[in-house]
Structure formats: C-alpha cells, structure tokens
C-alpha atoms as a PDB file:
ATOM      1  CA  MET A   1     117.933  58.138  34.388  1.00  0.00           C
ATOM      2  CA  ASN A   2     117.252  56.371  37.693  1.00  0.00           C
ATOM      3  CA  ASN A   3     113.690  55.469  38.632  1.00  0.00           C
ATOM      4  CA  GLY A   4     112.103  58.214  40.650  1.00  0.00           C
ATOM      5  CA  SER A   5     114.906  60.700  40.024  1.00  0.00           C
ATOM      6  CA  PRO A   6     114.202  64.427  40.294  1.00  0.00           C
ATOM      7  CA  ALA A   7     113.920  66.753  37.325  1.00  0.00           C
ATOM      8  CA  VAL A   8     114.382  70.503  36.967  1.00  0.00           C
ATOM      9  CA  ILE A   9     112.183  72.318  34.469  1.00  0.00           C
ATOM     10  CA  TRP A  10     114.259  75.063  32.862  1.00  0.00           C
ATOM     11  CA  GLU A  11     115.702  76.348  29.591  1.00  0.00           C
ATOM     12  CA  ASP A  12     119.191  74.931  29.972  1.00  0.00           C
ATOM     13  CA  LYS A  13     121.639  73.726  32.591  1.00  0.00           C
ATOM     14  CA  LEU A  14     122.133  75.953  35.595  1.00  0.00           C
ATOM     15  CA  LEU A  15     124.118  75.851  38.812  1.00  0.00           C
ATOM     16  CA  PHE A  16     121.067  74.630  40.720  1.00  0.00           C
ATOM     17  CA  LEU A  17     121.343  71.282  38.853  1.00  0.00           C
ATOM     18  CA  ARG A  18     124.855  70.800  40.204  1.00  0.00           C
ATOM     19  CA  LEU A  19     123.631  71.353  43.751  1.00  0.00           C
ATOM     20  CA  ILE A  20     120.884  68.744  43.307  1.00  0.00           C
ATOM     21  CA  ASP A  21     123.308  66.305  41.646  1.00  0.00           C
ATOM     22  CA  ASP A  22     125.658  66.792  44.585  1.00  0.00           C
ATOM     23  CA  CYS A  23     122.856  66.014  47.069  1.00  0.00           C
ATOM     24  CA  VAL A  24     121.197  63.034  45.372  1.00  0.00           C
ATOM     25  CA  GLY A  25     123.453  61.808  42.564  1.00  0.00           C
ATOM     26  CA  CYS A  26     121.461  62.696  39.460  1.00  0.00           C
ATOM     27  CA  CYS A  27     118.925  65.175  38.214  1.00  0.00           C
ATOM     28  CA  GLU A  28     117.378  65.447  34.767  1.00  0.00           C
ATOM     29  CA  LEU A  29     116.855  68.713  32.924  1.00  0.00           C
ATOM     30  CA  VAL A  30     113.462  69.021  31.202  1.00  0.00           C
ATOM     31  CA  THR A  31     113.230  71.967  28.824  1.00  0.00           C
ATOM     32  CA  PRO A  32     109.945  73.832  28.239  1.00  0.00           C
ATOM     33  CA  GLN A  33     109.843  72.542  24.646  1.00  0.00           C
ATOM     34  CA  LEU A  34     110.140  68.943  25.796  1.00  0.00           C
ATOM     35  CA  LEU A  35     107.683  69.417  28.658  1.00  0.00           C
ATOM     36  CA  ALA A  36     104.970  70.839  26.376  1.00  0.00           C
ATOM     37  CA  ALA A  37     105.458  68.256  23.618  1.00  0.00           C
ATOM     38  CA  PRO A  38     102.312  66.074  23.495  1.00  0.00           C
ATOM     39  CA  PHE A  39     104.379  62.898  23.012  1.00  0.00           C
ATOM     40  CA  TYR A  40     106.635  63.497  26.024  1.00  0.00           C
ATOM     41  CA  ARG A  41     106.220  61.024  28.889  1.00  0.00           C
ATOM     42  CA  GLY A  42     108.870  61.404  31.570  1.00  0.00           C
ATOM     43  CA  SER A  43     108.922  59.506  34.835  1.00  0.00           C
ATOM     44  CA  PHE A  44     110.136  61.253  37.947  1.00  0.00           C
ATOM     45  CA  GLY A  45     109.502  61.344  41.644  1.00  0.00           C
ATOM     46  CA  SER A  46     109.872  65.086  41.991  1.00  0.00           C
ATOM     47  CA  LEU A  47     109.917  68.183  39.810  1.00  0.00           C
ATOM     48  CA  ILE A  48     111.668  71.441  40.689  1.00  0.00           C
ATOM     49  CA  ILE A  49     110.768  74.736  39.039  1.00  0.00           C
ATOM     50  CA  PRO A  50     113.324  77.467  39.829  1.00  0.00           C
ATOM     51  CA  THR A  51     112.806  81.128  40.613  1.00  0.00           C
ATOM     52  CA  GLY A  52     111.894  83.276  37.631  1.00  0.00           C
ATOM     53  CA  PHE A  53     109.917  80.610  35.760  1.00  0.00           C
ATOM     54  CA  ALA A  54     107.161  83.114  34.860  1.00  0.00           C
ATOM     55  CA  ASN A  55     109.425  85.965  33.761  1.00  0.00           C
ATOM     56  CA  LYS A  56     109.410  85.848  29.954  1.00  0.00           C
ATOM     57  CA  GLU A  57     112.710  87.752  29.859  1.00  0.00           C
ATOM     58  CA  TYR A  58     114.430  84.711  31.409  1.00  0.00           C
ATOM     59  CA  SER A  59     112.333  81.709  30.560  1.00  0.00           C
ATOM     60  CA  ARG A  60     109.590  80.088  28.518  1.00  0.00           C
ATOM     61  CA  VAL A  61     108.620  77.753  31.356  1.00  0.00           C
ATOM     62  CA  LEU A  62     105.235  79.300  32.236  1.00  0.00           C
ATOM     63  CA  PRO A  63     103.589  78.667  28.826  1.00  0.00           C
ATOM     64  CA  ALA A  64     104.830  75.050  28.967  1.00  0.00           C
ATOM     65  CA  LEU A  65     103.405  74.594  32.485  1.00  0.00           C
ATOM     66  CA  ARG A  66     100.062  76.005  31.369  1.00  0.00           C
ATOM     67  CA  ALA A  67     100.038  73.701  28.341  1.00  0.00           C
ATOM     68  CA  THR A  68     100.559  70.681  30.598  1.00  0.00           C
ATOM     69  CA  LYS A  69      98.106  71.621  33.365  1.00  0.00           C
ATOM     70  CA  ASN A  70      96.142  68.342  33.135  1.00  0.00           C
ATOM     71  CA  ARG A  71      99.286  66.190  33.055  1.00  0.00           C
ATOM     72  CA  MET A  72     100.718  68.185  35.964  1.00  0.00           C
ATOM     73  CA  GLU A  73      97.610  67.495  38.053  1.00  0.00           C
ATOM     74  CA  ARG A  74      97.732  63.760  37.214  1.00  0.00           C
ATOM     75  CA  PHE A  75     101.425  63.710  38.158  1.00  0.00           C
ATOM     76  CA  ILE A  76     100.728  65.261  41.566  1.00  0.00           C
ATOM     77  CA  ARG A  77      97.606  63.252  42.360  1.00  0.00           C
ATOM     78  CA  SER A  78      99.365  59.971  41.535  1.00  0.00           C
ATOM     79  CA  GLY A  79     102.199  60.668  43.992  1.00  0.00           C
ATOM     80  CA  GLY A  80     104.509  63.174  42.321  1.00  0.00           C
ATOM     81  CA  GLU A  81     105.983  66.063  44.263  1.00  0.00           C
ATOM     82  CA  ILE A  82     106.661  69.560  42.987  1.00  0.00           C
ATOM     83  CA  LEU A  83     108.855  72.275  44.468  1.00  0.00           C
ATOM     84  CA  VAL A  84     108.112  75.590  42.782  1.00  0.00           C
ATOM     85  CA  PHE A  85     109.729  78.922  43.530  1.00  0.00           C
ATOM     86  CA  GLY A  86     108.597  82.507  42.894  1.00  0.00           C
ATOM     87  CA  GLY A  87     107.466  83.543  39.445  1.00  0.00           C
ATOM     88  CA  GLY A  88     110.005  86.353  39.342  1.00  0.00           C
ATOM     89  CA  GLY A  89     107.873  89.091  37.828  1.00  0.00           C
ATOM     90  CA  ASP A  90     104.588  90.941  38.086  1.00  0.00           C
ATOM     91  CA  ILE A  91     102.450  87.981  36.950  1.00  0.00           C
ATOM     92  CA  PRO A  92      99.760  87.457  39.638  1.00  0.00           C
ATOM     93  CA  ASP A  93      98.239  84.364  37.950  1.00  0.00           C
ATOM     94  CA  CYS A  94     101.525  82.546  37.268  1.00  0.00           C
ATOM     95  CA  TYR A  95     100.420  79.537  39.369  1.00  0.00           C
ATOM     96  CA  ASP A  96      97.177  78.967  37.458  1.00  0.00           C
ATOM     97  CA  TRP A  97      98.529  75.641  36.184  1.00  0.00           C
ATOM     98  CA  LEU A  98      98.309  74.121  39.686  1.00  0.00           C
ATOM     99  CA  PRO A  99      95.246  72.141  40.872  1.00  0.00           C
ATOM    100  CA  PHE A 100      94.397  74.681  43.597  1.00  0.00           C
ATOM    101  CA  PRO A 101      93.988  78.462  43.562  1.00  0.00           C
ATOM    102  CA  VAL A 102      96.844  80.720  44.598  1.00  0.00           C
ATOM    103  CA  GLY A 103      98.030  84.127  43.460  1.00  0.00           C
ATOM    104  CA  TYR A 104     101.424  85.810  43.532  1.00  0.00           C
ATOM    105  CA  HIS A 105     102.562  89.305  44.410  1.00  0.00           C
ATOM    106  CA  PHE A 106     106.033  90.166  43.119  1.00  0.00           C
ATOM    107  CA  GLU A 107     108.034  92.316  45.532  1.00  0.00           C
ATOM    108  CA  TYR A 108     111.717  91.528  45.894  1.00  0.00           C
ATOM    109  CA  GLY A 109     113.415  92.201  49.223  1.00  0.00           C
ATOM    110  CA  SER A 110     114.735  90.943  52.523  1.00  0.00           C
ATOM    111  CA  ARG A 111     112.071  89.850  54.999  1.00  0.00           C
ATOM    112  CA  GLU A 112     111.692  88.459  58.495  1.00  0.00           C
ATOM    113  CA  ILE A 113     110.138  84.979  58.273  1.00  0.00           C
ATOM    114  CA  VAL A 114     107.920  83.265  60.851  1.00  0.00           C
ATOM    115  CA  ILE A 115     107.348  79.488  60.845  1.00  0.00           C
ATOM    116  CA  ARG A 116     103.574  78.977  61.245  1.00  0.00           C
ATOM    117  CA  THR A 117     103.200  75.185  60.879  1.00  0.00           C
ATOM    118  CA  GLN A 118     105.609  72.375  61.666  1.00  0.00           C
ATOM    119  CA  SER A 119     106.368  70.504  58.473  1.00  0.00           C
ATOM    120  CA  GLU A 120     109.342  68.773  56.885  1.00  0.00           C
ATOM    121  CA  SER A 121     109.241  71.507  54.235  1.00  0.00           C
ATOM    122  CA  THR A 122     110.584  73.979  56.834  1.00  0.00           C
ATOM    123  CA  THR A 123     113.992  72.306  56.404  1.00  0.00           C
ATOM    124  CA  LEU A 124     114.079  74.242  53.121  1.00  0.00           C
ATOM    125  CA  LEU A 125     114.975  77.291  55.260  1.00  0.00           C
ATOM    126  CA  GLU A 126     117.596  75.477  57.348  1.00  0.00           C
ATOM    127  CA  GLY A 127     120.793  77.459  57.772  1.00  0.00           C
ATOM    128  CA  TYR A 128     119.275  80.819  56.801  1.00  0.00           C
ATOM    129  CA  ASP A 129     118.780  83.785  59.095  1.00  0.00           C
ATOM    130  CA  LEU A 130     114.987  83.975  59.389  1.00  0.00           C
ATOM    131  CA  ASN A 131     115.298  87.608  60.447  1.00  0.00           C
ATOM    132  CA  ALA A 132     116.505  88.590  56.978  1.00  0.00           C
ATOM    133  CA  ILE A 133     115.883  86.176  54.107  1.00  0.00           C
ATOM    134  CA  GLU A 134     115.638  87.246  50.470  1.00  0.00           C
ATOM    135  CA  CYS A 135     112.213  86.722  48.904  1.00  0.00           C
ATOM    136  CA  ASP A 136     110.842  87.731  45.519  1.00  0.00           C
ATOM    137  CA  GLY A 137     107.309  88.248  46.785  1.00  0.00           C
ATOM    138  CA  TYR A 138     104.532  86.409  48.569  1.00  0.00           C
ATOM    139  CA  PHE A 139     101.402  84.385  47.863  1.00  0.00           C
ATOM    140  CA  THR A 140      97.889  85.817  47.739  1.00  0.00           C
ATOM    141  CA  GLY A 141      94.431  84.291  47.606  1.00  0.00           C
ATOM    142  CA  TYR A 142      95.560  81.029  49.194  1.00  0.00           C
ATOM    143  CA  GLY A 143      92.832  79.322  51.204  1.00  0.00           C
ATOM    144  CA  GLY A 144      95.024  77.085  53.381  1.00  0.00           C
ATOM    145  CA  ASP A 145      97.398  77.686  56.237  1.00  0.00           C
ATOM    146  CA  PRO A 146     100.907  78.631  55.136  1.00  0.00           C
ATOM    147  CA  VAL A 147     103.924  76.822  56.560  1.00  0.00           C
ATOM    148  CA  ALA A 148     105.834  80.118  56.811  1.00  0.00           C
ATOM    149  CA  SER A 149     105.023  83.756  56.254  1.00  0.00           C
ATOM    150  CA  THR A 150     106.563  87.169  56.564  1.00  0.00           C
ATOM    151  CA  SER A 151     106.344  88.822  59.977  1.00  0.00           C
ATOM    152  CA  ASP A 152     103.376  90.834  58.664  1.00  0.00           C
ATOM    153  CA  GLY A 153     101.485  87.691  57.643  1.00  0.00           C
ATOM    154  CA  HIS A 154     102.171  87.255  53.913  1.00  0.00           C
ATOM    155  CA  PRO A 155     102.632  83.549  52.991  1.00  0.00           C
ATOM    156  CA  ILE A 156     106.064  82.672  51.548  1.00  0.00           C
ATOM    157  CA  LEU A 157     106.058  78.873  52.049  1.00  0.00           C
ATOM    158  CA  ILE A 158     103.035  76.695  51.302  1.00  0.00           C
ATOM    159  CA  GLU A 159     102.683  72.921  51.332  1.00  0.00           C
ATOM    160  CA  GLU A 160      99.543  71.549  49.699  1.00  0.00           C
ATOM    161  CA  ARG A 161      98.653  67.854  49.441  1.00  0.00           C
ATOM    162  CA  CYS A 162      96.750  66.737  46.355  1.00  0.00           C
ATOM    163  CA  GLY A 163      95.802  63.085  46.043  1.00  0.00           C
ATOM    164  CA  SER A 164      98.930  61.053  46.829  1.00  0.00           C
ATOM    165  CA  GLY A 165     101.340  63.894  46.003  1.00  0.00           C
ATOM    166  CA  ARG A 166     102.149  67.376  47.190  1.00  0.00           C
ATOM    167  CA  VAL A 167     103.191  70.807  46.032  1.00  0.00           C
ATOM    168  CA  ILE A 168     105.657  72.923  47.981  1.00  0.00           C
ATOM    169  CA  MET A 169     105.681  76.561  46.947  1.00  0.00           C
ATOM    170  CA  THR A 170     108.095  79.184  48.163  1.00  0.00           C
ATOM    171  CA  THR A 171     109.104  82.694  47.254  1.00  0.00           C
ATOM    172  CA  ILE A 172     112.487  82.578  48.972  1.00  0.00           C
ATOM    173  CA  HIS A 173     115.163  83.760  46.603  1.00  0.00           C
ATOM    174  CA  GLU A 174     117.810  81.372  47.927  1.00  0.00           C
ATOM    175  CA  TYR A 175     118.780  77.771  47.250  1.00  0.00           C
ATOM    176  CA  PRO A 176     116.970  75.307  49.477  1.00  0.00           C
ATOM    177  CA  SER A 177     119.104  73.658  52.136  1.00  0.00           C
ATOM    178  CA  ARG A 178     121.007  70.473  51.342  1.00  0.00           C
ATOM    179  CA  ALA A 179     119.006  68.646  54.020  1.00  0.00           C
ATOM    180  CA  PHE A 180     115.762  69.583  52.285  1.00  0.00           C
ATOM    181  CA  LEU A 181     117.000  68.663  48.802  1.00  0.00           C
ATOM    182  CA  THR A 182     118.327  65.314  49.995  1.00  0.00           C
ATOM    183  CA  THR A 183     114.941  64.393  51.462  1.00  0.00           C
ATOM    184  CA  PHE A 184     112.753  65.953  48.750  1.00  0.00           C
ATOM    185  CA  CYS A 185     114.718  64.505  45.828  1.00  0.00           C
ATOM    186  CA  ALA A 186     115.181  61.059  47.354  1.00  0.00           C
ATOM    187  CA  CYS A 187     111.976  59.937  45.782  1.00  0.00           C
ATOM    188  CA  ARG A 188     109.960  57.215  47.313  1.00  0.00           C
ATOM    189  CA  LYS A 189     108.101  56.525  44.094  1.00  0.00           C
ATOM    190  CA  GLU A 190     108.381  57.004  40.352  1.00  0.00           C
ATOM    191  CA  THR A 191     105.432  58.865  38.827  1.00  0.00           C
ATOM    192  CA  PHE A 192     104.708  59.245  35.140  1.00  0.00           C
ATOM    193  CA  PHE A 193     104.284  62.716  33.767  1.00  0.00           C
END
C-alpha cells in the first residue's frame, strides 16, 4: 500500500474500487471485521464508505463503524478525510459514529439539487444533471450549512471540518465524478486509523 492511499470500507470488492483505482492508482479494501478488530492499525489519507453501509441486508459496516467511533474521530481530527454516502435504509441514527450530530431520512428518488455553498466537494456532482439526480434520502438535524440540498431545502451534501480533517457526506445514489475522486483520493497526508 502507498502512503496516504485511500481505502474503501466494505464487505468485499466492488466496482467502485475499480473506479477509484482507475483515478488514483490504488485503493485498499478494509472489511468490517478488519476495521473493528482492536489490533488493526491502518494508515490512509482518505476513507470511503459506499451507499448502503447501514442496511444490514447488504452490509455489516455500520456495527464496525460504531465499534470504532473513537478511532474514527482521532483519524479525522489528525487530518484524515472521509467520504460517506447514504445509509441505504430506514436507520435515522446511522451516522452516530461521527464526531458531530446528523440524522438521516431514507427516501429514494430523483431530485432537483441546488448548490448552496461553493466548495471543492461540489465537484462530486460534476457531470450530473442537477435537475434530476438520484438520491437515497437526505440529512436531518444537521446544525451547519449544507453544500447542496434538494430544491425544497433538504441537505444532500455536507462538508464538515473536524480538527485537521474533514467529513464529506452525501446521499446521492451515483458514483462521484472522476475529478472529485482524483482530488479527494490524492491524499496530502497519511493518517493512522
């Protein structure tokens, strides 16, 4: 593994890994079992958690994230970056492992998206028709200003800085753009998890 390389937290290899590999050259797969193991100490620049991580029919990622809440916060505060997608089910508290409060409302469908704040994270949406983008829900109970929301004001893209790192959360049900992945995964720093 290269210093500062990205990692995807998931059960097994998926097509998303190939897209990341194609954009940045390498990406490590971290399974929920490995992530939650008390002896595990990975070093990455960025972590990506795909859509559906909270849906127990598809994944065991959520229990592993909850088990590593303290390590996750240390990772972010010391400069790590996380991209996390929608939980993929009716699990309002599926982001309770993050160091800031946010809820989730599951509601799959096509939505009109409005960019609210200029941020490099908006490149995630590059190439998509913002008048009709697939989302698996929206965020609730978030105290900050969203980067993007639905036309009726529901946040679907949040960027939160914590210490030296940041968390980007989105409920879009699409792959992020290549431009976004290239920048996000080209880590500036290796952070121990």
